[in-house]
């Protein structure tokens, strides 16, 4: 949405269904955009992992296409087995990596504003208010089909594993 407001060409990555921004290193972003307003949206890791499990692991085609099969994930895995594997190596795949390292450079948080995915409309309104761009309403792309609340997926053990891995 921001790239479109800047009249930049947006190429959709078919596999992931979102723009490829080619921003790979926070320190480069920090140096180049130090004086600009920077914003990020983060997602509750508990909900994010359920979404990953439902979208990427339980779908055999996506499991293989997106490299999950190559790192030991299988369609028949239970959610607890999935969590165990994720927590053994949380940096094995971008879809479940901890979000904090991507927001930091030299022990400093880069964004001026961090919104929550769970409250994305409000966060987007705050971003729109801070920038001088004709930003449209944020589209909902790559929507997961209806599923139960993320809390229903977790056992006591998997809650502890996620807390220890993603919240230190």
Protein backbone atom coordinates (compact mmCIF):
# COMPACT_ATOMS: atom_id res chain seq x y z
CA UNK A 1 0.00 0.00 0.00
CA UNK A 2 2.86 2.38 0.78
CA UNK A 3 4.76 1.49 -2.39
CA UNK A 4 1.64 2.13 -4.46
CA UNK A 5 1.22 5.55 -2.80
CA UNK A 6 4.81 6.31 -3.85
CA UNK A 7 3.98 5.26 -7.43
CA UNK A 8 6.45 2.40 -7.15
CA UNK A 9 5.93 -0.72 -9.19
CA UNK A 10 4.70 -3.50 -6.91
CA UNK A 11 5.53 -7.03 -7.98
CA UNK A 12 3.61 -9.70 -6.14
CA UNK A 13 5.58 -12.78 -5.16
CA UNK A 14 3.22 -15.53 -6.29
CA UNK A 15 4.48 -18.09 -3.74
CA UNK A 16 4.02 -15.80 -0.75
CA UNK A 17 1.34 -13.48 -2.16
CA UNK A 18 2.99 -10.30 -0.86
CA UNK A 19 5.43 -7.76 -2.30
CA UNK A 20 9.09 -8.62 -2.17
CA UNK A 21 10.71 -5.52 -0.69
CA UNK A 22 14.31 -6.67 -0.95
CA UNK A 23 15.12 -5.26 2.49
CA UNK A 24 17.37 -7.87 3.98
CA UNK A 25 19.55 -6.12 6.56
CA UNK A 26 18.23 -3.79 9.28
CA UNK A 27 21.49 -1.83 9.44
CA UNK A 28 21.17 -0.89 5.74
CA UNK A 29 17.59 0.19 6.31
CA UNK A 30 18.61 2.18 9.38
CA UNK A 31 21.38 4.07 7.57
CA UNK A 32 19.30 4.79 4.48
CA UNK A 33 16.08 5.79 6.24
CA UNK A 34 17.35 7.08 9.59
CA UNK A 35 15.48 10.40 9.28
CA UNK A 36 12.24 8.88 7.98
CA UNK A 37 9.27 7.72 10.02
CA UNK A 38 9.54 3.96 10.28
CA UNK A 39 6.69 1.65 11.24
CA UNK A 40 6.30 -2.09 11.65
CA UNK A 41 3.41 -4.44 12.32
CA UNK A 42 4.11 -7.45 14.53
CA UNK A 43 1.94 -10.46 15.21
CA UNK A 44 1.32 -12.39 18.39
CA UNK A 45 3.67 -15.40 18.04
CA UNK A 46 1.03 -17.79 19.36
CA UNK A 47 -1.43 -16.78 16.62
CA UNK A 48 1.31 -16.53 14.01
CA UNK A 49 2.40 -20.13 14.63
CA UNK A 50 -1.17 -21.43 14.35
CA UNK A 51 -1.54 -19.58 11.05
CA UNK A 52 1.73 -21.05 9.78
CA UNK A 53 0.67 -24.55 10.82
CA UNK A 54 -2.74 -24.25 9.14
CA UNK A 55 -1.50 -22.55 5.96
CA UNK A 56 1.89 -24.09 5.36
CA UNK A 57 2.18 -27.41 7.18
CA UNK A 58 -1.25 -28.98 6.71
CA UNK A 59 -1.18 -28.21 2.96
CA UNK A 60 1.18 -30.73 1.34
CA UNK A 61 1.72 -28.62 -1.78
CA UNK A 62 2.77 -25.53 0.24
CA UNK A 63 4.76 -27.70 2.64
CA UNK A 64 6.98 -28.87 -0.21
CA UNK A 65 6.98 -25.68 -2.31
CA UNK A 66 8.04 -23.41 0.52
CA UNK A 67 10.81 -25.62 1.83
CA UNK A 68 9.19 -26.87 5.04
CA UNK A 69 9.49 -30.49 3.93
CA UNK A 70 13.25 -30.05 3.45
CA UNK A 71 13.69 -29.00 7.08
CA UNK A 72 11.72 -31.90 8.54
CA UNK A 73 8.09 -30.75 8.67
CA UNK A 74 5.38 -33.21 7.60
CA UNK A 75 1.67 -32.91 6.82
CA UNK A 76 0.75 -35.53 9.42
CA UNK A 77 2.48 -33.64 12.29
CA UNK A 78 0.35 -32.76 15.25
CA UNK A 79 0.38 -29.14 16.36
CA UNK A 80 2.49 -30.07 19.41
CA UNK A 81 5.03 -31.80 17.14
CA UNK A 82 5.09 -28.71 14.93
CA UNK A 83 5.75 -26.46 17.95
CA UNK A 84 8.50 -28.78 19.18
CA UNK A 85 10.22 -28.60 15.78
CA UNK A 86 9.80 -24.81 15.48
CA UNK A 87 11.21 -24.23 18.97
CA UNK A 88 14.20 -26.48 18.25
CA UNK A 89 15.26 -24.04 15.50
CA UNK A 90 13.10 -20.90 15.36
CA UNK A 91 15.28 -19.37 12.63
CA UNK A 92 14.85 -22.31 10.23
CA UNK A 93 12.12 -20.55 8.22
CA UNK A 94 11.04 -16.92 7.85
CA UNK A 95 7.39 -17.81 8.50
CA UNK A 96 8.04 -18.48 12.16
CA UNK A 97 11.24 -16.62 12.94
CA UNK A 98 11.17 -14.34 15.97
CA UNK A 99 10.20 -10.85 14.81
CA UNK A 100 12.33 -8.78 17.20
CA UNK A 101 15.72 -9.30 15.46
CA UNK A 102 14.26 -7.92 12.22
CA UNK A 103 13.26 -4.74 14.06
CA UNK A 104 16.64 -4.10 15.67
CA UNK A 105 20.06 -2.80 14.77
CA UNK A 106 22.91 -2.47 17.23
CA UNK A 107 20.59 -3.13 20.18
CA UNK A 108 18.21 -0.36 19.10
CA UNK A 109 14.63 -0.78 17.95
CA UNK A 110 14.43 0.74 14.46
CA UNK A 111 10.73 1.51 13.99
CA UNK A 112 9.31 4.71 15.44
CA UNK A 113 5.96 2.95 15.72
CA UNK A 114 5.16 -0.74 16.20
CA UNK A 115 1.56 -1.79 15.70
CA UNK A 116 -0.11 -5.10 16.38
CA UNK A 117 -1.44 -7.28 13.57
CA UNK A 118 -4.38 -8.14 15.82
CA UNK A 119 -5.34 -4.43 15.75
CA UNK A 120 -4.10 -3.68 12.25
CA UNK A 121 -6.84 -1.25 11.24
CA UNK A 122 -6.07 1.03 14.18
CA UNK A 123 -2.33 0.67 13.61
CA UNK A 124 -2.74 1.48 9.92
CA UNK A 125 -4.78 4.59 10.81
CA UNK A 126 -1.93 5.76 13.06
CA UNK A 127 0.60 5.18 10.27
CA UNK A 128 -1.60 7.03 7.78
CA UNK A 129 -1.82 9.98 10.19
CA UNK A 130 2.00 10.20 10.44
CA UNK A 131 2.92 10.16 6.76
CA UNK A 132 2.19 12.64 4.02
CA UNK A 133 1.02 10.10 1.46
CA UNK A 134 -2.38 9.25 -0.02
CA UNK A 135 -2.55 5.86 1.68
CA UNK A 136 -5.61 3.78 0.90
CA UNK A 137 -7.33 1.40 3.25
CA UNK A 138 -5.09 -1.58 3.83
CA UNK A 139 -6.20 -4.58 1.74
CA UNK A 140 -6.57 -8.01 3.34
CA UNK A 141 -4.41 -10.37 1.28
CA UNK A 142 -3.57 -14.02 1.97
CA UNK A 143 -6.45 -14.51 4.39
CA UNK A 144 -6.49 -17.81 6.27
CA UNK A 145 -9.79 -19.70 6.10
CA UNK A 146 -11.85 -19.70 9.28
CA UNK A 147 -10.26 -21.63 12.10
CA UNK A 148 -10.66 -21.86 15.84
CA UNK A 149 -9.10 -19.36 18.25
CA UNK A 150 -5.36 -19.88 18.51
CA UNK A 151 -5.56 -20.73 22.23
CA UNK A 152 -7.45 -23.94 21.42
CA UNK A 153 -4.39 -25.32 19.64
CA UNK A 154 -2.00 -25.15 22.58
CA UNK A 155 -1.22 -27.66 25.30
CA UNK A 156 0.49 -26.58 28.53
CA UNK A 157 3.79 -27.88 27.19
CA UNK A 158 3.53 -26.07 23.84
CA UNK A 159 2.61 -22.79 25.60
CA UNK A 160 5.78 -23.04 27.70
CA UNK A 161 7.92 -23.88 24.66
CA UNK A 162 6.63 -20.86 22.71
CA UNK A 163 7.01 -18.54 25.72
CA UNK A 164 10.60 -19.66 26.28
CA UNK A 165 11.50 -19.43 22.59
CA UNK A 166 9.78 -16.21 21.57
CA UNK A 167 9.62 -14.25 24.82
CA UNK A 168 12.88 -15.36 26.42
